[in-house]
C-alpha atoms as a PDB file:
ATOM      1  CA  MET A   1     -46.739  71.291 148.504  1.00  0.00           C
ATOM      2  CA  SER A   2     -49.401  69.998 146.428  1.00  0.00           C
ATOM      3  CA  ALA A   3     -53.073  71.851 145.429  1.00  0.00           C
ATOM      4  CA  ASP A   4     -55.687  70.544 143.534  1.00  0.00           C
ATOM      5  CA  LEU A   5     -56.314  72.492 140.022  1.00  0.00           C
ATOM      6  CA  THR A   6     -60.267  72.507 138.562  1.00  0.00           C
ATOM      7  CA  VAL A   7     -60.338  73.389 135.090  1.00  0.00           C
ATOM      8  CA  GLU A   8     -63.840  74.489 133.520  1.00  0.00           C
ATOM      9  CA  THR A   9     -62.792  72.748 130.076  1.00  0.00           C
ATOM     10  CA  THR A  10     -66.574  73.832 129.102  1.00  0.00           C
ATOM     11  CA  LEU A  11     -66.089  77.186 129.620  1.00  0.00           C
ATOM     12  CA  ILE A  12     -62.766  77.056 127.639  1.00  0.00           C
ATOM     13  CA  ARG A  13     -64.930  75.559 124.747  1.00  0.00           C
ATOM     14  CA  GLN A  14     -67.464  77.987 124.938  1.00  0.00           C
ATOM     15  CA  ALA A  15     -65.420  80.794 124.698  1.00  0.00           C
ATOM     16  CA  ALA A  16     -63.501  79.243 121.999  1.00  0.00           C
ATOM     17  CA  ALA A  17     -67.200  79.252 120.119  1.00  0.00           C
ATOM     18  CA  VAL A  18     -67.529  83.292 120.903  1.00  0.00           C
ATOM     19  CA  LEU A  19     -63.887  83.383 119.281  1.00  0.00           C
ATOM     20  CA  ASP A  20     -65.530  81.415 116.248  1.00  0.00           C
ATOM     21  CA  GLU A  21     -68.464  83.458 115.761  1.00  0.00           C
ATOM     22  CA  ALA A  22     -66.145  86.779 116.091  1.00  0.00           C
ATOM     23  CA  SER A  23     -64.001  85.184 113.528  1.00  0.00           C
ATOM     24  CA  SER A  24     -66.854  84.745 111.192  1.00  0.00           C
ATOM     25  CA  ASN A  25     -68.376  88.038 111.650  1.00  0.00           C
ATOM     26  CA  PHE A  26     -64.512  89.690 110.949  1.00  0.00           C
ATOM     27  CA  ALA A  27     -63.841  87.478 108.188  1.00  0.00           C
ATOM     28  CA  ALA A  28     -67.311  88.823 106.436  1.00  0.00           C
ATOM     29  CA  GLY A  29     -66.393  92.292 106.945  1.00  0.00           C
ATOM     30  CA  GLY A  30     -63.095  91.905 105.429  1.00  0.00           C
ATOM     31  CA  GLN A  31     -64.385  90.031 102.279  1.00  0.00           C
ATOM     32  CA  ALA A  32     -66.858  93.159 101.728  1.00  0.00           C
ATOM     33  CA  SER A  33     -65.469  95.291  98.838  1.00  0.00           C
ATOM     34  CA  ILE A  34     -64.928  98.693  98.531  1.00  0.00           C
ATOM     35  CA  CYS A  35     -68.228 101.082  98.274  1.00  0.00           C
ATOM     36  CA  PRO A  36     -68.571 102.132  94.506  1.00  0.00           C
ATOM     37  CA  LEU A  37     -69.807 105.880  96.210  1.00  0.00           C
ATOM     38  CA  LEU A  38     -65.584 106.735  96.563  1.00  0.00           C
ATOM     39  CA  HIS A  39     -64.897 107.094  92.695  1.00  0.00           C
ATOM     40  CA  ASP A  40     -63.181 109.934  90.881  1.00  0.00           C
ATOM     41  CA  GLY A  41     -65.897 112.708  90.659  1.00  0.00           C
ATOM     42  CA  SER A  42     -68.044 111.222  93.556  1.00  0.00           C
ATOM     43  CA  LEU A  43     -67.096 114.490  95.663  1.00  0.00           C
ATOM     44  CA  GLY A  44     -66.957 116.766  92.787  1.00  0.00           C
ATOM     45  CA  ARG A  45     -64.464 117.619  90.122  1.00  0.00           C
ATOM     46  CA  SER A  46     -61.512 119.734  92.213  1.00  0.00           C
ATOM     47  CA  ALA A  47     -58.273 118.285  93.177  1.00  0.00           C
ATOM     48  CA  VAL A  48     -59.624 118.501  96.801  1.00  0.00           C
ATOM     49  CA  ALA A  49     -62.273 116.176  96.194  1.00  0.00           C
ATOM     50  CA  ARG A  50     -60.215 113.550  93.863  1.00  0.00           C
ATOM     51  CA  GLU A  51     -57.622 113.783  96.765  1.00  0.00           C
ATOM     52  CA  VAL A  52     -60.643 113.018  99.932  1.00  0.00           C
ATOM     53  CA  ALA A  53     -62.284 110.197  97.835  1.00  0.00           C
ATOM     54  CA  GLY A  54     -58.572 108.606  97.329  1.00  0.00           C
ATOM     55  CA  ALA A  55     -57.677 108.828 100.966  1.00  0.00           C
ATOM     56  CA  ALA A  56     -61.290 107.483 101.952  1.00  0.00           C
ATOM     57  CA  THR A  57     -60.635 104.761  99.721  1.00  0.00           C
ATOM     58  CA  ARG A  58     -57.185 104.053 101.273  1.00  0.00           C
ATOM     59  CA  ARG A  59     -58.766 104.043 104.760  1.00  0.00           C
ATOM     60  CA  VAL A  60     -61.525 101.666 104.039  1.00  0.00           C
ATOM     61  CA  GLU A  61     -59.218  99.028 102.456  1.00  0.00           C
ATOM     62  CA  GLN A  62     -57.239  99.368 105.704  1.00  0.00           C
ATOM     63  CA  ALA A  63     -60.088  98.480 107.440  1.00  0.00           C
ATOM     64  CA  LEU A  64     -60.957  95.677 105.613  1.00  0.00           C
ATOM     65  CA  GLU A  65     -57.390  94.240 105.906  1.00  0.00           C
ATOM     66  CA  ALA A  66     -57.693  94.984 109.868  1.00  0.00           C
ATOM     67  CA  ALA A  67     -61.074  92.873 109.620  1.00  0.00           C
ATOM     68  CA  ARG A  68     -59.441  90.135 107.884  1.00  0.00           C
ATOM     69  CA  LEU A  69     -56.288  90.082 110.251  1.00  0.00           C
ATOM     70  CA  LEU A  70     -58.785  89.957 113.575  1.00  0.00           C
ATOM     71  CA  ALA A  71     -60.373  87.222 111.889  1.00  0.00           C
ATOM     72  CA  ASP A  72     -57.069  85.394 111.590  1.00  0.00           C
ATOM     73  CA  HIS A  73     -56.175  86.453 115.088  1.00  0.00           C
ATOM     74  CA  ALA A  74     -59.768  85.064 116.558  1.00  0.00           C
ATOM     75  CA  ARG A  75     -59.679  82.073 114.560  1.00  0.00           C
ATOM     76  CA  ASP A  76     -56.182  80.833 116.012  1.00  0.00           C
ATOM     77  CA  ALA A  77     -57.052  81.908 119.420  1.00  0.00           C
ATOM     78  CA  ALA A  78     -60.068  79.904 118.992  1.00  0.00           C
ATOM     79  CA  ILE A  79     -58.050  76.598 117.926  1.00  0.00           C
ATOM     80  CA  GLY A  80     -55.510  77.545 121.070  1.00  0.00           C
ATOM     81  CA  LEU A  81     -58.689  77.578 123.460  1.00  0.00           C
ATOM     82  CA  ARG A  82     -59.615  74.192 121.919  1.00  0.00           C
ATOM     83  CA  ALA A  83     -56.239  72.383 122.443  1.00  0.00           C
ATOM     84  CA  ALA A  84     -55.518  73.922 125.799  1.00  0.00           C
ATOM     85  CA  ALA A  85     -59.121  72.372 127.271  1.00  0.00           C
ATOM     86  CA  ALA A  86     -58.333  69.177 125.271  1.00  0.00           C
ATOM     87  CA  ALA A  87     -54.907  68.933 126.991  1.00  0.00           C
ATOM     88  CA  PHE A  88     -56.386  69.453 130.473  1.00  0.00           C
ATOM     89  CA  GLU A  89     -59.022  66.786 129.751  1.00  0.00           C
ATOM     90  CA  VAL A  90     -56.465  64.250 128.813  1.00  0.00           C
ATOM     91  CA  ALA A  91     -54.175  65.293 131.860  1.00  0.00           C
ATOM     92  CA  GLU A  92     -57.359  64.659 134.103  1.00  0.00           C
ATOM     93  CA  SER A  93     -57.823  61.146 132.606  1.00  0.00           C
ATOM     94  CA  LEU A  94     -54.349  60.147 132.972  1.00  0.00           C
ATOM     95  CA  ALA A  95     -54.250  62.059 136.866  1.00  0.00           C
ATOM     96  CA  ILE A  96     -53.167  59.254 139.420  1.00  0.00           C
ATOM     97  CA  ALA A  97     -55.602  59.278 141.874  1.00  0.00           C
ATOM     98  CA  PRO A  98     -54.347  59.795 145.711  1.00  0.00           C
ATOM     99  CA  PRO A  99     -53.686  57.508 148.042  1.00  0.00           C
ATOM    100  CA  ARG A 100     -56.769  56.312 150.227  1.00  0.00           C
END
């Protein structure tokens, strides 16, 4: 049994473009520097205030790293989608027409 398969490569390429944009946005966030508001003494001189500032700084660093990783994953997904679209286009161009 055979079946026709229709693949909208234009939509696949549009999805790749959306992922490219997301990758750029995530990368921009991942390249931000840590806000200088969180430094020793910014929340007061107590040990608790210093610990809170340090913990907040570590969380910001983790968030920036996560943004960089999301950018990488979005970029890789876009590359994969473009490769899939190209492969479908090649397969379509090489397809043998059914007998008449």
